Amino acid sequence: MSPQPTLLPLVLPSLNYLAPECVLRQSHSTASDMFSLGMLVYALHSPGKQCLSPVRDLQQFKLRAQQLKILSTAKLQAIPEELREFVKLLLNVTPEIRPDAHQFIKIPYFDDVGVKTLTYLDSLLQWDNLQKSQFYKGLPDALSQLPHRVKLQRVLACLVRDLGQPTM
């Protein structure tokens, strides 16, 4: 992706989340998307909700690409410990080193009871009644670990939808 002065800034991608190879080598792959995901994870967990070393122009972008070559986990302290090493891999300047989406969802961070509960709720409609009843038996324990807002907006909505069916 080379800078094109004739394009309006509105249609240009944000350099903050763009993988180095997209600009420096003008190549893009799913690994580039994983870099963007890593930058998004960093931004979501950082105190100011900003990406790592925000950039405004091509020169700053190139400088950040050099800095990422020596990225230490000390710069990732805002990220939960069980996620930190994976984010460091996602932000690697070498696309081949980055984990793919399948590897990313298997990291221990996603073994959290709250995350699993929300994942199960999303797939609840695909289950038979026996599976649903087993899930509902364990739900009270999981609810104690979820924030109140999540209980109201996600869990309650799923329960109302599912328990409104006559077979349940």
N, C-alpha and C. Protein backbone atom coordinates (compact mmCIF):
# COMPACT_ATOMS: atom_id res chain seq x y z
N MET A 1 0.85 -1.17 0.00
CA MET A 1 0.00 0.00 0.00
C MET A 1 0.89 1.22 0.00
N SER A 2 0.98 1.89 -1.09
CA SER A 2 1.80 3.09 -1.16
C SER A 2 0.92 4.31 -0.93
N PRO A 3 1.47 5.33 -0.29
CA PRO A 3 0.68 6.52 -0.05
C PRO A 3 0.29 7.19 -1.36
N GLN A 4 -0.95 7.58 -1.47
CA GLN A 4 -1.44 8.22 -2.68
C GLN A 4 -2.00 9.58 -2.30
N PRO A 5 -1.31 10.65 -2.70
CA PRO A 5 -1.72 11.99 -2.27
C PRO A 5 -3.09 12.40 -2.80
N THR A 6 -3.59 11.73 -3.83
CA THR A 6 -4.88 12.12 -4.39
C THR A 6 -6.06 11.56 -3.60
N LEU A 7 -5.81 10.60 -2.71
CA LEU A 7 -6.89 10.01 -1.93
C LEU A 7 -7.16 10.84 -0.68
N LEU A 8 -8.42 10.96 -0.36
CA LEU A 8 -8.81 11.66 0.87
C LEU A 8 -8.41 10.83 2.08
N PRO A 9 -8.03 11.47 3.18
CA PRO A 9 -7.64 10.73 4.38
C PRO A 9 -8.73 9.77 4.88
N LEU A 10 -9.97 10.08 4.58
CA LEU A 10 -11.09 9.26 5.02
C LEU A 10 -11.03 7.84 4.45
N VAL A 11 -10.51 7.68 3.23
CA VAL A 11 -10.49 6.37 2.60
C VAL A 11 -9.16 5.63 2.81
N LEU A 12 -8.20 6.26 3.42
CA LEU A 12 -6.92 5.61 3.68
C LEU A 12 -7.00 4.82 4.98
N PRO A 13 -6.32 3.68 5.05
CA PRO A 13 -6.34 2.90 6.29
C PRO A 13 -5.57 3.63 7.39
N SER A 14 -5.92 3.33 8.62
CA SER A 14 -5.21 3.91 9.76
C SER A 14 -3.84 3.26 9.87
N LEU A 15 -2.82 4.06 9.81
CA LEU A 15 -1.45 3.54 9.94
C LEU A 15 -1.22 2.95 11.33
N ASN A 16 -2.01 3.37 12.30
CA ASN A 16 -1.84 2.87 13.67
C ASN A 16 -2.03 1.36 13.76
N TYR A 17 -2.90 0.81 12.95
CA TYR A 17 -3.24 -0.61 13.06
C TYR A 17 -2.74 -1.43 11.88
N LEU A 18 -2.11 -0.80 10.93
CA LEU A 18 -1.66 -1.48 9.71
C LEU A 18 -0.34 -2.22 9.95
N ALA A 19 -0.26 -3.43 9.46
CA ALA A 19 0.96 -4.24 9.59
C ALA A 19 2.09 -3.62 8.78
N PRO A 20 3.33 -3.73 9.28
CA PRO A 20 4.47 -3.13 8.57
C PRO A 20 4.60 -3.57 7.12
N GLU A 21 4.35 -4.85 6.85
CA GLU A 21 4.54 -5.34 5.48
C GLU A 21 3.55 -4.74 4.49
N CYS A 22 2.42 -4.27 4.97
CA CYS A 22 1.42 -3.67 4.07
C CYS A 22 1.96 -2.40 3.41
N VAL A 23 2.74 -1.65 4.15
CA VAL A 23 3.29 -0.40 3.62
C VAL A 23 4.71 -0.61 3.09
N LEU A 24 5.54 -1.27 3.86
CA LEU A 24 6.96 -1.37 3.51
C LEU A 24 7.22 -2.32 2.35
N ARG A 25 6.44 -3.40 2.24
CA ARG A 25 6.63 -4.36 1.16
C ARG A 25 5.42 -4.46 0.24
N GLN A 26 4.41 -3.70 0.53
CA GLN A 26 3.16 -3.69 -0.23
C GLN A 26 2.60 -5.10 -0.42
N SER A 27 2.60 -5.86 0.68
CA SER A 27 2.01 -7.20 0.65
C SER A 27 1.04 -7.32 1.83
N HIS A 28 0.03 -8.14 1.64
CA HIS A 28 -0.98 -8.31 2.67
C HIS A 28 -1.39 -9.78 2.72
N SER A 29 -1.59 -10.28 3.93
CA SER A 29 -2.03 -11.66 4.11
C SER A 29 -2.86 -11.72 5.38
N THR A 30 -3.30 -12.90 5.73
CA THR A 30 -4.04 -13.04 6.99
C THR A 30 -3.15 -12.70 8.18
N ALA A 31 -1.85 -12.89 8.03
CA ALA A 31 -0.92 -12.51 9.09
C ALA A 31 -0.94 -11.00 9.32
N SER A 32 -1.20 -10.24 8.27
CA SER A 32 -1.33 -8.78 8.41
C SER A 32 -2.55 -8.44 9.26
N ASP A 33 -3.62 -9.19 9.04
CA ASP A 33 -4.82 -8.99 9.85
C ASP A 33 -4.56 -9.33 11.31
N MET A 34 -3.74 -10.34 11.54
CA MET A 34 -3.42 -10.73 12.91
C MET A 34 -2.59 -9.64 13.60
N PHE A 35 -1.73 -8.96 12.85
CA PHE A 35 -1.00 -7.82 13.42
C PHE A 35 -2.00 -6.76 13.87
N SER A 36 -2.96 -6.46 13.01
CA SER A 36 -3.98 -5.46 13.34
C SER A 36 -4.77 -5.88 14.58
N LEU A 37 -5.06 -7.16 14.69
CA LEU A 37 -5.75 -7.67 15.87
C LEU A 37 -4.89 -7.47 17.12
N GLY A 38 -3.60 -7.73 17.01
CA GLY A 38 -2.70 -7.51 18.13
C GLY A 38 -2.67 -6.06 18.57
N MET A 39 -2.66 -5.17 17.60
CA MET A 39 -2.66 -3.73 17.91
C MET A 39 -3.99 -3.34 18.56
N LEU A 40 -5.08 -3.93 18.10
CA LEU A 40 -6.40 -3.66 18.69
C LEU A 40 -6.46 -4.16 20.13
N VAL A 41 -5.94 -5.35 20.38
CA VAL A 41 -5.90 -5.89 21.74
C VAL A 41 -5.09 -4.96 22.63
N TYR A 42 -3.96 -4.50 22.12
CA TYR A 42 -3.14 -3.57 22.90
C TYR A 42 -3.93 -2.30 23.22
N ALA A 43 -4.59 -1.74 22.23
CA ALA A 43 -5.35 -0.50 22.43
C ALA A 43 -6.48 -0.69 23.43
N LEU A 44 -7.15 -1.83 23.38
CA LEU A 44 -8.26 -2.08 24.29
C LEU A 44 -7.80 -2.16 25.75
N HIS A 45 -6.58 -2.63 25.95
CA HIS A 45 -6.08 -2.79 27.31
C HIS A 45 -5.20 -1.63 27.79
N SER A 46 -4.80 -0.75 26.89
CA SER A 46 -3.92 0.35 27.30
C SER A 46 -4.72 1.42 28.03
N PRO A 47 -4.07 2.12 28.95
CA PRO A 47 -4.78 3.13 29.75
C PRO A 47 -5.48 4.21 28.92
N GLY A 48 -4.86 4.69 27.87
CA GLY A 48 -5.46 5.74 27.05
C GLY A 48 -6.24 5.20 25.86
N LYS A 49 -6.41 3.88 25.79
CA LYS A 49 -7.09 3.23 24.67
C LYS A 49 -6.44 3.59 23.34
N GLN A 50 -5.11 3.67 23.36
CA GLN A 50 -4.35 3.98 22.15
C GLN A 50 -3.51 2.77 21.75
N CYS A 51 -3.21 2.71 20.47
CA CYS A 51 -2.35 1.64 20.00
C CYS A 51 -0.91 1.91 20.44
N LEU A 52 -0.08 0.93 20.25
CA LEU A 52 1.33 1.02 20.63
C LEU A 52 2.04 1.99 19.69
N SER A 53 2.66 3.01 20.22
CA SER A 53 3.39 4.01 19.44
C SER A 53 2.54 4.56 18.29
N PRO A 54 1.51 5.35 18.60
CA PRO A 54 0.65 5.90 17.54
C PRO A 54 1.46 6.65 16.48
N VAL A 55 1.04 6.52 15.22
CA VAL A 55 1.74 7.18 14.12
C VAL A 55 0.77 8.02 13.30
N ARG A 56 1.32 9.11 12.73
CA ARG A 56 0.50 10.01 11.92
C ARG A 56 0.96 10.07 10.46
N ASP A 57 2.19 9.66 10.22
CA ASP A 57 2.69 9.74 8.85
C ASP A 57 3.62 8.56 8.56
N LEU A 58 4.06 8.49 7.33
CA LEU A 58 4.87 7.37 6.88
C LEU A 58 6.21 7.28 7.61
N GLN A 59 6.81 8.42 7.91
CA GLN A 59 8.10 8.42 8.62
C GLN A 59 7.95 7.82 10.01
N GLN A 60 6.90 8.21 10.73
CA GLN A 60 6.65 7.64 12.06
C GLN A 60 6.33 6.15 11.96
N PHE A 61 5.64 5.77 10.89
CA PHE A 61 5.30 4.37 10.68
C PHE A 61 6.57 3.53 10.54
N LYS A 62 7.52 4.02 9.74
CA LYS A 62 8.78 3.31 9.55
C LYS A 62 9.57 3.22 10.85
N LEU A 63 9.55 4.29 11.63
CA LEU A 63 10.24 4.29 12.92
C LEU A 63 9.62 3.26 13.85
N ARG A 64 8.29 3.21 13.90
CA ARG A 64 7.63 2.23 14.76
C ARG A 64 7.96 0.81 14.32
N ALA A 65 8.03 0.57 13.01
CA ALA A 65 8.38 -0.76 12.51
C ALA A 65 9.76 -1.17 13.03
N GLN A 66 10.70 -0.23 13.08
CA GLN A 66 12.03 -0.52 13.63
C GLN A 66 11.95 -0.82 15.13
N GLN A 67 11.12 -0.05 15.85
CA GLN A 67 10.97 -0.25 17.29
C GLN A 67 10.33 -1.60 17.61
N LEU A 68 9.43 -2.03 16.75
CA LEU A 68 8.75 -3.31 16.98
C LEU A 68 9.71 -4.49 16.87
N LYS A 69 10.82 -4.30 16.18
CA LYS A 69 11.80 -5.38 16.06
C LYS A 69 12.42 -5.74 17.40
N ILE A 70 12.42 -4.78 18.32
CA ILE A 70 13.01 -5.03 19.65
C ILE A 70 11.97 -4.83 20.76
N LEU A 71 10.72 -5.14 20.46
CA LEU A 71 9.63 -4.97 21.41
C LEU A 71 9.83 -5.88 22.62
N SER A 72 9.77 -5.29 23.80
CA SER A 72 9.89 -6.09 25.03
C SER A 72 8.53 -6.20 25.70
N THR A 73 8.38 -7.24 26.50
CA THR A 73 7.11 -7.42 27.21
C THR A 73 6.89 -6.32 28.24
N ALA A 74 7.93 -5.58 28.59
CA ALA A 74 7.77 -4.46 29.52
C ALA A 74 6.85 -3.39 28.94
N LYS A 75 6.85 -3.24 27.62
CA LYS A 75 5.96 -2.26 26.98
C LYS A 75 4.51 -2.76 26.92
N LEU A 76 4.30 -4.01 27.30
CA LEU A 76 2.97 -4.61 27.21
C LEU A 76 2.36 -4.86 28.59
N GLN A 77 2.82 -4.14 29.59
CA GLN A 77 2.37 -4.38 30.96
C GLN A 77 0.88 -4.17 31.18
N ALA A 78 0.23 -3.35 30.37
CA ALA A 78 -1.21 -3.09 30.53
C ALA A 78 -2.04 -4.30 30.09
N ILE A 79 -1.45 -5.19 29.35
CA ILE A 79 -2.16 -6.37 28.83
C ILE A 79 -2.12 -7.47 29.89
N PRO A 80 -3.24 -8.18 30.09
CA PRO A 80 -3.24 -9.28 31.06
C PRO A 80 -2.09 -10.26 30.80
N GLU A 81 -1.50 -10.76 31.87
CA GLU A 81 -0.30 -11.58 31.77
C GLU A 81 -0.48 -12.79 30.84
N GLU A 82 -1.62 -13.46 30.93
CA GLU A 82 -1.82 -14.66 30.11
C GLU A 82 -2.02 -14.34 28.63
N LEU A 83 -2.13 -13.08 28.30
CA LEU A 83 -2.32 -12.65 26.91
C LEU A 83 -1.07 -11.95 26.36
N ARG A 84 -0.21 -11.51 27.24
CA ARG A 84 0.93 -10.65 26.89
C ARG A 84 1.87 -11.26 25.85
N GLU A 85 2.29 -12.49 26.06
CA GLU A 85 3.26 -13.11 25.15
C GLU A 85 2.66 -13.30 23.75
N PHE A 86 1.37 -13.59 23.70
CA PHE A 86 0.72 -13.78 22.40
C PHE A 86 0.58 -12.45 21.65
N VAL A 87 0.31 -11.39 22.38
CA VAL A 87 0.22 -10.07 21.74
C VAL A 87 1.60 -9.68 21.21
N LYS A 88 2.63 -10.01 21.96
CA LYS A 88 3.99 -9.72 21.48
C LYS A 88 4.25 -10.45 20.16
N LEU A 89 3.79 -11.69 20.06
CA LEU A 89 3.94 -12.44 18.80
C LEU A 89 3.10 -11.83 17.68
N LEU A 90 1.89 -11.38 18.02
CA LEU A 90 1.03 -10.76 17.01
C LEU A 90 1.65 -9.48 16.45
N LEU A 91 2.40 -8.77 17.29
CA LEU A 91 3.00 -7.50 16.88
C LEU A 91 4.40 -7.68 16.28
N ASN A 92 4.79 -8.91 16.03
CA ASN A 92 6.09 -9.17 15.44
C ASN A 92 6.11 -8.64 14.01
N VAL A 93 7.24 -8.06 13.61
CA VAL A 93 7.34 -7.49 12.26
C VAL A 93 7.45 -8.57 11.18
N THR A 94 7.76 -9.79 11.58
CA THR A 94 7.85 -10.90 10.63
C THR A 94 6.51 -11.62 10.60
N PRO A 95 5.77 -11.53 9.50
CA PRO A 95 4.43 -12.12 9.43
C PRO A 95 4.39 -13.62 9.73
N GLU A 96 5.43 -14.35 9.33
CA GLU A 96 5.46 -15.80 9.51
C GLU A 96 5.50 -16.20 10.99
N ILE A 97 5.94 -15.32 11.85
CA ILE A 97 6.05 -15.62 13.28
C ILE A 97 4.71 -15.42 14.00
N ARG A 98 3.86 -14.60 13.45
CA ARG A 98 2.58 -14.30 14.10
C ARG A 98 1.67 -15.53 14.16
N PRO A 99 0.99 -15.71 15.30
CA PRO A 99 0.02 -16.81 15.36
C PRO A 99 -1.15 -16.54 14.41
N ASP A 100 -1.77 -17.60 13.93
CA ASP A 100 -2.96 -17.41 13.09
C ASP A 100 -4.19 -17.35 13.99
N ALA A 101 -5.34 -17.12 13.39
CA ALA A 101 -6.58 -16.95 14.17
C ALA A 101 -6.91 -18.20 14.97
N HIS A 102 -6.66 -19.36 14.40
CA HIS A 102 -6.94 -20.62 15.09
C HIS A 102 -6.07 -20.76 16.34
N GLN A 103 -4.80 -20.42 16.23
CA GLN A 103 -3.90 -20.47 17.39
C GLN A 103 -4.29 -19.43 18.43
N PHE A 104 -4.72 -18.27 17.96
CA PHE A 104 -5.07 -17.18 18.87
C PHE A 104 -6.23 -17.54 19.79
N ILE A 105 -7.26 -18.17 19.25
CA ILE A 105 -8.42 -18.48 20.10
C ILE A 105 -8.15 -19.63 21.07
N LYS A 106 -7.04 -20.31 20.91
CA LYS A 106 -6.71 -21.42 21.80
C LYS A 106 -5.82 -21.01 22.98
N ILE A 107 -5.50 -19.74 23.09
CA ILE A 107 -4.63 -19.32 24.18
C ILE A 107 -5.38 -19.40 25.51
N PRO A 108 -4.67 -19.62 26.60
CA PRO A 108 -5.29 -19.79 27.92
C PRO A 108 -6.18 -18.63 28.36
N TYR A 109 -5.92 -17.45 27.87
CA TYR A 109 -6.74 -16.29 28.24
C TYR A 109 -8.22 -16.54 27.96
N PHE A 110 -8.50 -17.25 26.90
CA PHE A 110 -9.88 -17.51 26.51
C PHE A 110 -10.49 -18.70 27.25
N ASP A 111 -9.73 -19.31 28.15
CA ASP A 111 -10.27 -20.38 29.00
C ASP A 111 -11.01 -19.81 30.20
N ASP A 112 -11.06 -18.51 30.32
CA ASP A 112 -11.76 -17.84 31.40
C ASP A 112 -13.22 -18.29 31.43
N VAL A 113 -13.76 -18.52 32.62
CA VAL A 113 -15.13 -18.99 32.77
C VAL A 113 -16.12 -18.01 32.15
N GLY A 114 -15.89 -16.72 32.35
CA GLY A 114 -16.79 -15.72 31.78
C GLY A 114 -16.78 -15.74 30.26
N VAL A 115 -15.59 -15.85 29.68
CA VAL A 115 -15.48 -15.89 28.22
C VAL A 115 -16.15 -17.15 27.67
N LYS A 116 -15.90 -18.29 28.33
CA LYS A 116 -16.52 -19.54 27.87
C LYS A 116 -18.04 -19.46 27.99
N THR A 117 -18.53 -18.87 29.07
CA THR A 117 -19.98 -18.75 29.26
C THR A 117 -20.60 -17.94 28.13
N LEU A 118 -19.97 -16.82 27.79
CA LEU A 118 -20.50 -15.99 26.70
C LEU A 118 -20.41 -16.71 25.36
N THR A 119 -19.36 -17.48 25.16
CA THR A 119 -19.22 -18.26 23.93
C THR A 119 -20.33 -19.30 23.84
N TYR A 120 -20.57 -19.99 24.95
CA TYR A 120 -21.64 -21.00 24.97
C TYR A 120 -23.00 -20.36 24.72
N LEU A 121 -23.23 -19.21 25.31
CA LEU A 121 -24.51 -18.53 25.12
C LEU A 121 -24.73 -18.19 23.64
N ASP A 122 -23.66 -17.82 22.96
CA ASP A 122 -23.78 -17.48 21.54
C ASP A 122 -24.16 -18.68 20.68
N SER A 123 -23.79 -19.88 21.13
CA SER A 123 -24.09 -21.08 20.33
C SER A 123 -25.24 -21.89 20.92
N LEU A 124 -25.93 -21.35 21.88
CA LEU A 124 -26.99 -22.06 22.60
C LEU A 124 -28.10 -22.58 21.70
N LEU A 125 -28.46 -21.84 20.68
CA LEU A 125 -29.56 -22.26 19.81
C LEU A 125 -29.24 -23.54 19.03
N GLN A 126 -27.98 -23.88 18.92
CA GLN A 126 -27.58 -25.06 18.16
C GLN A 126 -27.61 -26.33 19.01
N TRP A 127 -27.81 -26.19 20.30
CA TRP A 127 -27.74 -27.34 21.21
C TRP A 127 -29.09 -28.01 21.37
N ASP A 128 -29.05 -29.29 21.77
CA ASP A 128 -30.31 -29.96 22.10
C ASP A 128 -30.66 -29.63 23.55
N ASN A 129 -31.85 -30.01 23.96
CA ASN A 129 -32.35 -29.62 25.29
C ASN A 129 -31.51 -30.19 26.43
N LEU A 130 -30.96 -31.40 26.27
CA LEU A 130 -30.13 -31.99 27.32
C LEU A 130 -28.86 -31.17 27.52
N GLN A 131 -28.22 -30.78 26.43
CA GLN A 131 -27.01 -29.96 26.53
C GLN A 131 -27.32 -28.62 27.18
N LYS A 132 -28.44 -28.04 26.79
CA LYS A 132 -28.84 -26.75 27.36
C LYS A 132 -29.07 -26.86 28.85
N SER A 133 -29.76 -27.92 29.28
CA SER A 133 -30.04 -28.06 30.71
C SER A 133 -28.76 -28.25 31.51
N GLN A 134 -27.78 -28.97 30.95
CA GLN A 134 -26.49 -29.13 31.63
C GLN A 134 -25.78 -27.78 31.75
N PHE A 135 -25.86 -27.00 30.70
CA PHE A 135 -25.25 -25.67 30.74
C PHE A 135 -25.92 -24.80 31.80
N TYR A 136 -27.25 -24.84 31.85
CA TYR A 136 -27.98 -24.01 32.80
C TYR A 136 -27.69 -24.41 34.25
N LYS A 137 -27.38 -25.69 34.50
CA LYS A 137 -27.06 -26.12 35.86
C LYS A 137 -25.77 -25.45 36.36
N GLY A 138 -24.82 -25.25 35.48
CA GLY A 138 -23.56 -24.62 35.87
C GLY A 138 -23.56 -23.11 35.75
N LEU A 139 -24.61 -22.56 35.18
CA LEU A 139 -24.67 -21.12 34.94
C LEU A 139 -24.58 -20.26 36.20
N PRO A 140 -25.25 -20.61 37.30
CA PRO A 140 -25.15 -19.74 38.50
C PRO A 140 -23.72 -19.51 38.98
N ASP A 141 -22.88 -20.54 38.91
CA ASP A 141 -21.47 -20.37 39.32
C ASP A 141 -20.74 -19.40 38.40
N ALA A 142 -21.01 -19.51 37.11
CA ALA A 142 -20.35 -18.63 36.14
C ALA A 142 -20.84 -17.20 36.27
N LEU A 143 -22.12 -17.01 36.58
CA LEU A 143 -22.68 -15.66 36.68
C LEU A 143 -22.00 -14.83 37.75
N SER A 144 -21.55 -15.49 38.80
CA SER A 144 -20.90 -14.73 39.89
C SER A 144 -19.60 -14.08 39.44
N GLN A 145 -19.04 -14.55 38.33
CA GLN A 145 -17.78 -14.01 37.84
C GLN A 145 -17.95 -12.99 36.72
N LEU A 146 -19.20 -12.76 36.31
CA LEU A 146 -19.45 -11.82 35.22
C LEU A 146 -19.87 -10.46 35.75
N PRO A 147 -19.49 -9.39 35.08
CA PRO A 147 -19.94 -8.05 35.48
C PRO A 147 -21.45 -7.91 35.33
N HIS A 148 -22.04 -7.06 36.14
CA HIS A 148 -23.49 -6.86 36.16
C HIS A 148 -24.01 -6.47 34.77
N ARG A 149 -23.32 -5.59 34.10
CA ARG A 149 -23.73 -5.13 32.77
C ARG A 149 -23.81 -6.29 31.79
N VAL A 150 -22.85 -7.20 31.83
CA VAL A 150 -22.84 -8.35 30.93
C VAL A 150 -24.01 -9.29 31.26
N LYS A 151 -24.27 -9.46 32.55
CA LYS A 151 -25.40 -10.30 32.95
C LYS A 151 -26.70 -9.76 32.37
N LEU A 152 -26.89 -8.46 32.46
CA LEU A 152 -28.13 -7.87 31.97
C LEU A 152 -28.23 -7.86 30.45
N GLN A 153 -27.17 -7.43 29.80
CA GLN A 153 -27.23 -7.22 28.35
C GLN A 153 -27.04 -8.49 27.53
N ARG A 154 -26.24 -9.41 28.00
CA ARG A 154 -25.96 -10.61 27.20
C ARG A 154 -26.67 -11.84 27.73
N VAL A 155 -26.47 -12.14 29.02
CA VAL A 155 -27.00 -13.38 29.58
C VAL A 155 -28.52 -13.35 29.65
N LEU A 156 -29.06 -12.29 30.21
CA LEU A 156 -30.51 -12.21 30.36
C LEU A 156 -31.22 -12.28 29.01
N ALA A 157 -30.68 -11.60 28.02
CA ALA A 157 -31.29 -11.62 26.68
C ALA A 157 -31.33 -13.05 26.12
N CYS A 158 -30.24 -13.79 26.30
CA CYS A 158 -30.20 -15.17 25.81
C CYS A 158 -31.18 -16.06 26.58
N LEU A 159 -31.24 -15.85 27.90
CA LEU A 159 -32.16 -16.66 28.71
C LEU A 159 -33.61 -16.40 28.34
N VAL A 160 -33.96 -15.16 28.15
CA VAL A 160 -35.34 -14.82 27.77
C VAL A 160 -35.68 -15.46 26.42
N ARG A 161 -34.76 -15.39 25.49
CA ARG A 161 -34.98 -15.96 24.16
C ARG A 161 -35.15 -17.47 24.24
N ASP A 162 -34.28 -18.13 24.99
CA ASP A 162 -34.28 -19.59 25.02
C ASP A 162 -35.36 -20.16 25.93
N LEU A 163 -35.52 -19.58 27.10
CA LEU A 163 -36.48 -20.12 28.05
C LEU A 163 -37.92 -19.78 27.67
N GLY A 164 -38.10 -18.93 26.69
CA GLY A 164 -39.43 -18.62 26.18
C GLY A 164 -39.97 -19.70 25.26
N GLN A 165 -39.12 -20.65 24.90
CA GLN A 165 -39.55 -21.75 24.03
C GLN A 165 -40.28 -22.80 24.88
N PRO A 166 -41.39 -23.32 24.40
CA PRO A 166 -42.19 -24.27 25.18
C PRO A 166 -41.43 -25.54 25.59
N THR A 167 -40.48 -25.99 24.77
CA THR A 167 -39.76 -27.23 25.09
C THR A 167 -38.80 -27.06 26.25
N MET A 168 -38.44 -25.84 26.55
CA MET A 168 -37.52 -25.60 27.67
C MET A 168 -38.31 -25.26 28.91
